[in-house]
Amino acid sequence: MSLRAIDIKHAEIGQVSSRVDGAIRFAVITPELTLDQRATILGFHGKNVRIMVEPLDVPIEEMVEVESEAEPKSKCQRLRSVLYVWWKQSQNGEPNPKSFQQFYDIKMESIIDKIKDTLD
Protein backbone atom coordinates (compact mmCIF):
# COMPACT_ATOMS: atom_id res chain seq x y z
CA MET A 1 0.00 0.00 0.00
CA SER A 2 1.40 3.39 -0.93
CA LEU A 3 0.43 6.61 0.76
CA ARG A 4 0.82 10.20 -0.34
CA ALA A 5 2.47 12.83 1.82
CA ILE A 6 0.59 16.02 2.61
CA ASP A 7 1.89 19.50 3.49
CA ILE A 8 -0.72 21.58 5.32
CA LYS A 9 -0.04 25.30 5.63
CA HIS A 10 -1.68 27.42 8.33
CA ALA A 11 -2.58 24.61 10.75
CA GLU A 12 -2.69 25.20 14.51
CA ILE A 13 -1.50 23.12 17.43
CA GLY A 14 -4.55 22.46 19.59
CA GLN A 15 -4.77 20.62 22.89
CA VAL A 16 -1.38 19.47 24.23
CA SER A 17 -0.83 16.95 27.02
CA SER A 18 2.16 15.06 28.36
CA ARG A 19 2.23 11.32 28.87
CA VAL A 20 3.77 9.34 31.70
CA ASP A 21 6.47 7.94 29.40
CA GLY A 22 7.70 11.47 28.54
CA ALA A 23 5.95 11.63 25.17
CA ILE A 24 3.66 14.48 24.16
CA ARG A 25 0.20 14.13 22.64
CA PHE A 26 -1.18 17.03 20.66
CA ALA A 27 -4.03 17.76 18.30
CA VAL A 28 -3.60 19.54 15.00
CA ILE A 29 -6.37 21.85 13.80
CA THR A 30 -6.30 22.12 10.03
CA PRO A 31 -7.88 24.67 7.75
CA GLU A 32 -10.83 23.37 5.71
CA LEU A 33 -9.76 20.35 3.68
CA THR A 34 -11.18 18.78 0.55
CA LEU A 35 -12.52 15.23 0.67
CA ASP A 36 -9.34 14.01 -1.02
CA GLN A 37 -7.11 15.82 1.51
CA ARG A 38 -9.16 14.43 4.40
CA ALA A 39 -8.86 10.93 2.95
CA THR A 40 -5.08 11.37 2.77
CA ILE A 41 -4.94 12.34 6.45
CA LEU A 42 -7.27 9.49 7.46
CA GLY A 43 -4.97 7.09 5.62
CA PHE A 44 -2.25 7.89 8.14
CA HIS A 45 -4.31 6.61 11.09
CA GLY A 46 -2.24 4.05 13.00
CA LYS A 47 0.81 4.57 10.77
CA ASN A 48 4.31 5.60 11.79
CA VAL A 49 4.76 9.11 10.33
CA ARG A 50 7.21 12.00 10.37
CA ILE A 51 5.95 15.32 11.70
CA MET A 52 7.62 18.69 11.25
CA VAL A 53 6.20 21.74 13.01
CA GLU A 54 7.42 25.09 11.72
CA PRO A 55 6.08 28.55 12.60
CA LEU A 56 4.91 30.55 9.59
CA ASP A 57 4.65 33.98 11.26
CA VAL A 58 8.22 34.30 12.56
CA PRO A 59 11.62 33.14 11.29
CA ILE A 60 13.06 30.04 12.94
CA GLU A 61 16.38 30.20 14.76
CA GLU A 62 17.22 26.52 14.48
CA MET A 63 15.72 23.12 13.65
CA VAL A 64 15.39 20.70 16.57
CA GLU A 65 15.52 17.08 15.40
CA VAL A 66 14.15 14.21 17.44
CA GLU A 67 15.46 10.78 16.55
CA SER A 68 13.90 7.85 18.33
CA GLU A 69 15.71 4.56 18.65
CA ALA A 70 12.46 2.91 19.61
CA GLU A 71 10.49 1.23 16.89
CA PRO A 72 6.73 1.73 16.97
CA LYS A 73 4.94 -0.81 19.12
CA SER A 74 3.85 -4.01 17.42
CA LYS A 75 0.17 -4.95 17.46
CA CYS A 76 1.01 -7.57 20.09
CA GLN A 77 2.73 -4.99 22.31
CA ARG A 78 -0.20 -2.60 21.89
CA LEU A 79 -2.70 -5.32 22.87
CA ARG A 80 -0.65 -6.19 25.96
CA SER A 81 -0.52 -2.50 26.96
CA VAL A 82 -4.29 -2.12 26.52
CA LEU A 83 -4.91 -5.26 28.57
CA TYR A 84 -2.65 -3.87 31.31
CA VAL A 85 -4.64 -0.63 31.47
CA TRP A 86 -7.86 -2.67 31.56
CA TRP A 87 -6.48 -4.75 34.44
CA LYS A 88 -5.39 -1.63 36.36
CA GLN A 89 -8.76 0.08 35.87
CA SER A 90 -10.72 -3.01 36.86
CA GLN A 91 -8.93 -3.36 40.20
CA ASN A 92 -11.63 -1.24 41.84
CA GLY A 93 -14.41 -3.50 43.08
CA GLU A 94 -14.47 -6.12 40.32
CA PRO A 95 -13.25 -9.63 41.17
CA ASN A 96 -10.05 -10.01 39.22
CA PRO A 97 -6.92 -12.14 39.25
CA LYS A 98 -4.37 -10.62 41.60
CA SER A 99 -1.53 -10.54 39.10
CA PHE A 100 -1.49 -8.96 35.68
CA GLN A 101 0.03 -12.13 34.22
CA GLN A 102 -3.02 -14.16 35.35
CA PHE A 103 -5.37 -11.51 33.90
CA TYR A 104 -3.38 -11.43 30.65
CA ASP A 105 -3.44 -15.22 30.29
CA ILE A 106 -7.20 -15.39 30.89
CA LYS A 107 -8.01 -12.56 28.45
CA MET A 108 -5.68 -13.86 25.74
CA GLU A 109 -7.21 -17.33 25.98
CA SER A 110 -10.65 -15.73 25.71
CA ILE A 111 -9.61 -13.81 22.58
CA ILE A 112 -8.05 -16.94 21.05
CA ASP A 113 -11.17 -19.01 21.81
CA LYS A 114 -13.46 -16.39 20.23
CA ILE A 115 -11.39 -16.38 17.05
CA LYS A 116 -11.21 -20.20 16.98
CA ASP A 117 -15.01 -20.33 17.28
CA THR A 118 -15.28 -18.45 13.99
CA LEU A 119 -13.11 -21.00 12.13
CA ASP A 120 -14.50 -23.98 10.22
C-alpha atoms as a PDB file:
ATOM      1  CA  MET A   1       0.000   0.000   0.000  1.00  0.00           C
ATOM      2  CA  SER A   2       1.397   3.387  -0.934  1.00  0.00           C
ATOM      3  CA  LEU A   3       0.433   6.609   0.760  1.00  0.00           C
ATOM      4  CA  ARG A   4       0.815  10.202  -0.344  1.00  0.00           C
ATOM      5  CA  ALA A   5       2.472  12.832   1.821  1.00  0.00           C
ATOM      6  CA  ILE A   6       0.591  16.024   2.612  1.00  0.00           C
ATOM      7  CA  ASP A   7       1.894  19.500   3.493  1.00  0.00           C
ATOM      8  CA  ILE A   8      -0.720  21.580   5.319  1.00  0.00           C
ATOM      9  CA  LYS A   9      -0.043  25.301   5.635  1.00  0.00           C
ATOM     10  CA  HIS A  10      -1.678  27.419   8.332  1.00  0.00           C
ATOM     11  CA  ALA A  11      -2.577  24.613  10.750  1.00  0.00           C
ATOM     12  CA  GLU A  12      -2.686  25.199  14.513  1.00  0.00           C
ATOM     13  CA  ILE A  13      -1.501  23.122  17.425  1.00  0.00           C
ATOM     14  CA  GLY A  14      -4.553  22.463  19.593  1.00  0.00           C
ATOM     15  CA  GLN A  15      -4.766  20.623  22.889  1.00  0.00           C
ATOM     16  CA  VAL A  16      -1.385  19.468  24.231  1.00  0.00           C
ATOM     17  CA  SER A  17      -0.829  16.948  27.018  1.00  0.00           C
ATOM     18  CA  SER A  18       2.157  15.064  28.362  1.00  0.00           C
ATOM     19  CA  ARG A  19       2.231  11.319  28.874  1.00  0.00           C
ATOM     20  CA  VAL A  20       3.766   9.338  31.700  1.00  0.00           C
ATOM     21  CA  ASP A  21       6.474   7.941  29.400  1.00  0.00           C
ATOM     22  CA  GLY A  22       7.697  11.472  28.542  1.00  0.00           C
ATOM     23  CA  ALA A  23       5.952  11.627  25.166  1.00  0.00           C
ATOM     24  CA  ILE A  24       3.665  14.482  24.156  1.00  0.00           C
ATOM     25  CA  ARG A  25       0.203  14.128  22.638  1.00  0.00           C
ATOM     26  CA  PHE A  26      -1.180  17.030  20.659  1.00  0.00           C
ATOM     27  CA  ALA A  27      -4.027  17.764  18.305  1.00  0.00           C
ATOM     28  CA  VAL A  28      -3.605  19.541  15.000  1.00  0.00           C
ATOM     29  CA  ILE A  29      -6.367  21.848  13.799  1.00  0.00           C
ATOM     30  CA  THR A  30      -6.297  22.124  10.030  1.00  0.00           C
ATOM     31  CA  PRO A  31      -7.884  24.672   7.749  1.00  0.00           C
ATOM     32  CA  GLU A  32     -10.829  23.371   5.711  1.00  0.00           C
ATOM     33  CA  LEU A  33      -9.763  20.350   3.681  1.00  0.00           C
ATOM     34  CA  THR A  34     -11.179  18.781   0.546  1.00  0.00           C
ATOM     35  CA  LEU A  35     -12.521  15.234   0.669  1.00  0.00           C
ATOM     36  CA  ASP A  36      -9.337  14.009  -1.021  1.00  0.00           C
ATOM     37  CA  GLN A  37      -7.111  15.823   1.505  1.00  0.00           C
ATOM     38  CA  ARG A  38      -9.156  14.425   4.400  1.00  0.00           C
ATOM     39  CA  ALA A  39      -8.855  10.933   2.945  1.00  0.00           C
ATOM     40  CA  THR A  40      -5.083  11.372   2.768  1.00  0.00           C
ATOM     41  CA  ILE A  41      -4.945  12.335   6.455  1.00  0.00           C
ATOM     42  CA  LEU A  42      -7.269   9.493   7.460  1.00  0.00           C
ATOM     43  CA  GLY A  43      -4.971   7.085   5.623  1.00  0.00           C
ATOM     44  CA  PHE A  44      -2.246   7.887   8.144  1.00  0.00           C
ATOM     45  CA  HIS A  45      -4.306   6.612  11.092  1.00  0.00           C
ATOM     46  CA  GLY A  46      -2.236   4.054  13.002  1.00  0.00           C
ATOM     47  CA  LYS A  47       0.815   4.574  10.772  1.00  0.00           C
ATOM     48  CA  ASN A  48       4.310   5.599  11.788  1.00  0.00           C
ATOM     49  CA  VAL A  49       4.764   9.108  10.335  1.00  0.00           C
ATOM     50  CA  ARG A  50       7.205  12.000  10.370  1.00  0.00           C
ATOM     51  CA  ILE A  51       5.955  15.321  11.704  1.00  0.00           C
ATOM     52  CA  MET A  52       7.622  18.689  11.253  1.00  0.00           C
ATOM     53  CA  VAL A  53       6.204  21.735  13.013  1.00  0.00           C
ATOM     54  CA  GLU A  54       7.423  25.093  11.718  1.00  0.00           C
ATOM     55  CA  PRO A  55       6.079  28.549  12.595  1.00  0.00           C
ATOM     56  CA  LEU A  56       4.914  30.552   9.594  1.00  0.00           C
ATOM     57  CA  ASP A  57       4.649  33.977  11.262  1.00  0.00           C
ATOM     58  CA  VAL A  58       8.223  34.301  12.557  1.00  0.00           C
ATOM     59  CA  PRO A  59      11.616  33.140  11.287  1.00  0.00           C
ATOM     60  CA  ILE A  60      13.055  30.042  12.939  1.00  0.00           C
ATOM     61  CA  GLU A  61      16.384  30.197  14.759  1.00  0.00           C
ATOM     62  CA  GLU A  62      17.222  26.516  14.483  1.00  0.00           C
ATOM     63  CA  MET A  63      15.718  23.120  13.655  1.00  0.00           C
ATOM     64  CA  VAL A  64      15.392  20.697  16.574  1.00  0.00           C
ATOM     65  CA  GLU A  65      15.518  17.084  15.397  1.00  0.00           C
ATOM     66  CA  VAL A  66      14.147  14.211  17.442  1.00  0.00           C
ATOM     67  CA  GLU A  67      15.461  10.776  16.548  1.00  0.00           C
ATOM     68  CA  SER A  68      13.904   7.853  18.334  1.00  0.00           C
ATOM     69  CA  GLU A  69      15.711   4.557  18.652  1.00  0.00           C
ATOM     70  CA  ALA A  70      12.464   2.909  19.612  1.00  0.00           C
ATOM     71  CA  GLU A  71      10.488   1.235  16.885  1.00  0.00           C
ATOM     72  CA  PRO A  72       6.734   1.733  16.971  1.00  0.00           C
ATOM     73  CA  LYS A  73       4.936  -0.812  19.121  1.00  0.00           C
ATOM     74  CA  SER A  74       3.846  -4.005  17.423  1.00  0.00           C
ATOM     75  CA  LYS A  75       0.167  -4.947  17.459  1.00  0.00           C
ATOM     76  CA  CYS A  76       1.006  -7.570  20.094  1.00  0.00           C
ATOM     77  CA  GLN A  77       2.728  -4.991  22.314  1.00  0.00           C
ATOM     78  CA  ARG A  78      -0.196  -2.599  21.889  1.00  0.00           C
ATOM     79  CA  LEU A  79      -2.698  -5.316  22.870  1.00  0.00           C
ATOM     80  CA  ARG A  80      -0.646  -6.192  25.960  1.00  0.00           C
ATOM     81  CA  SER A  81      -0.524  -2.501  26.956  1.00  0.00           C
ATOM     82  CA  VAL A  82      -4.286  -2.120  26.516  1.00  0.00           C
ATOM     83  CA  LEU A  83      -4.914  -5.262  28.571  1.00  0.00           C
ATOM     84  CA  TYR A  84      -2.653  -3.873  31.306  1.00  0.00           C
ATOM     85  CA  VAL A  85      -4.642  -0.626  31.470  1.00  0.00           C
ATOM     86  CA  TRP A  86      -7.863  -2.670  31.555  1.00  0.00           C
ATOM     87  CA  TRP A  87      -6.476  -4.749  34.437  1.00  0.00           C
ATOM     88  CA  LYS A  88      -5.385  -1.626  36.364  1.00  0.00           C
ATOM     89  CA  GLN A  89      -8.758   0.083  35.873  1.00  0.00           C
ATOM     90  CA  SER A  90     -10.723  -3.005  36.862  1.00  0.00           C
ATOM     91  CA  GLN A  91      -8.927  -3.365  40.200  1.00  0.00           C
ATOM     92  CA  ASN A  92     -11.627  -1.239  41.835  1.00  0.00           C
ATOM     93  CA  GLY A  93     -14.410  -3.497  43.082  1.00  0.00           C
ATOM     94  CA  GLU A  94     -14.466  -6.119  40.323  1.00  0.00           C
ATOM     95  CA  PRO A  95     -13.246  -9.629  41.174  1.00  0.00           C
ATOM     96  CA  ASN A  96     -10.046 -10.010  39.221  1.00  0.00           C
ATOM     97  CA  PRO A  97      -6.920 -12.140  39.251  1.00  0.00           C
ATOM     98  CA  LYS A  98      -4.371 -10.616  41.596  1.00  0.00           C
ATOM     99  CA  SER A  99      -1.528 -10.536  39.095  1.00  0.00           C
ATOM    100  CA  PHE A 100      -1.490  -8.962  35.682  1.00  0.00           C
ATOM    101  CA  GLN A 101       0.025 -12.130  34.224  1.00  0.00           C
ATOM    102  CA  GLN A 102      -3.023 -14.156  35.345  1.00  0.00           C
ATOM    103  CA  PHE A 103      -5.366 -11.510  33.900  1.00  0.00           C
ATOM    104  CA  TYR A 104      -3.379 -11.429  30.652  1.00  0.00           C
ATOM    105  CA  ASP A 105      -3.439 -15.222  30.287  1.00  0.00           C
ATOM    106  CA  ILE A 106      -7.201 -15.391  30.888  1.00  0.00           C
ATOM    107  CA  LYS A 107      -8.010 -12.559  28.451  1.00  0.00           C
ATOM    108  CA  MET A 108      -5.676 -13.855  25.735  1.00  0.00           C
ATOM    109  CA  GLU A 109      -7.214 -17.333  25.977  1.00  0.00           C
ATOM    110  CA  SER A 110     -10.646 -15.732  25.709  1.00  0.00           C
ATOM    111  CA  ILE A 111      -9.608 -13.806  22.575  1.00  0.00           C
ATOM    112  CA  ILE A 112      -8.054 -16.935  21.051  1.00  0.00           C
ATOM    113  CA  ASP A 113     -11.174 -19.005  21.814  1.00  0.00           C
ATOM    114  CA  LYS A 114     -13.461 -16.388  20.234  1.00  0.00           C
ATOM    115  CA  ILE A 115     -11.394 -16.381  17.052  1.00  0.00           C
ATOM    116  CA  LYS A 116     -11.208 -20.196  16.977  1.00  0.00           C
ATOM    117  CA  ASP A 117     -15.013 -20.329  17.277  1.00  0.00           C
ATOM    118  CA  THR A 118     -15.282 -18.447  13.991  1.00  0.00           C
ATOM    119  CA  LEU A 119     -13.110 -20.998  12.133  1.00  0.00           C
ATOM    120  CA  ASP A 120     -14.498 -23.976  10.219  1.00  0.00           C
END
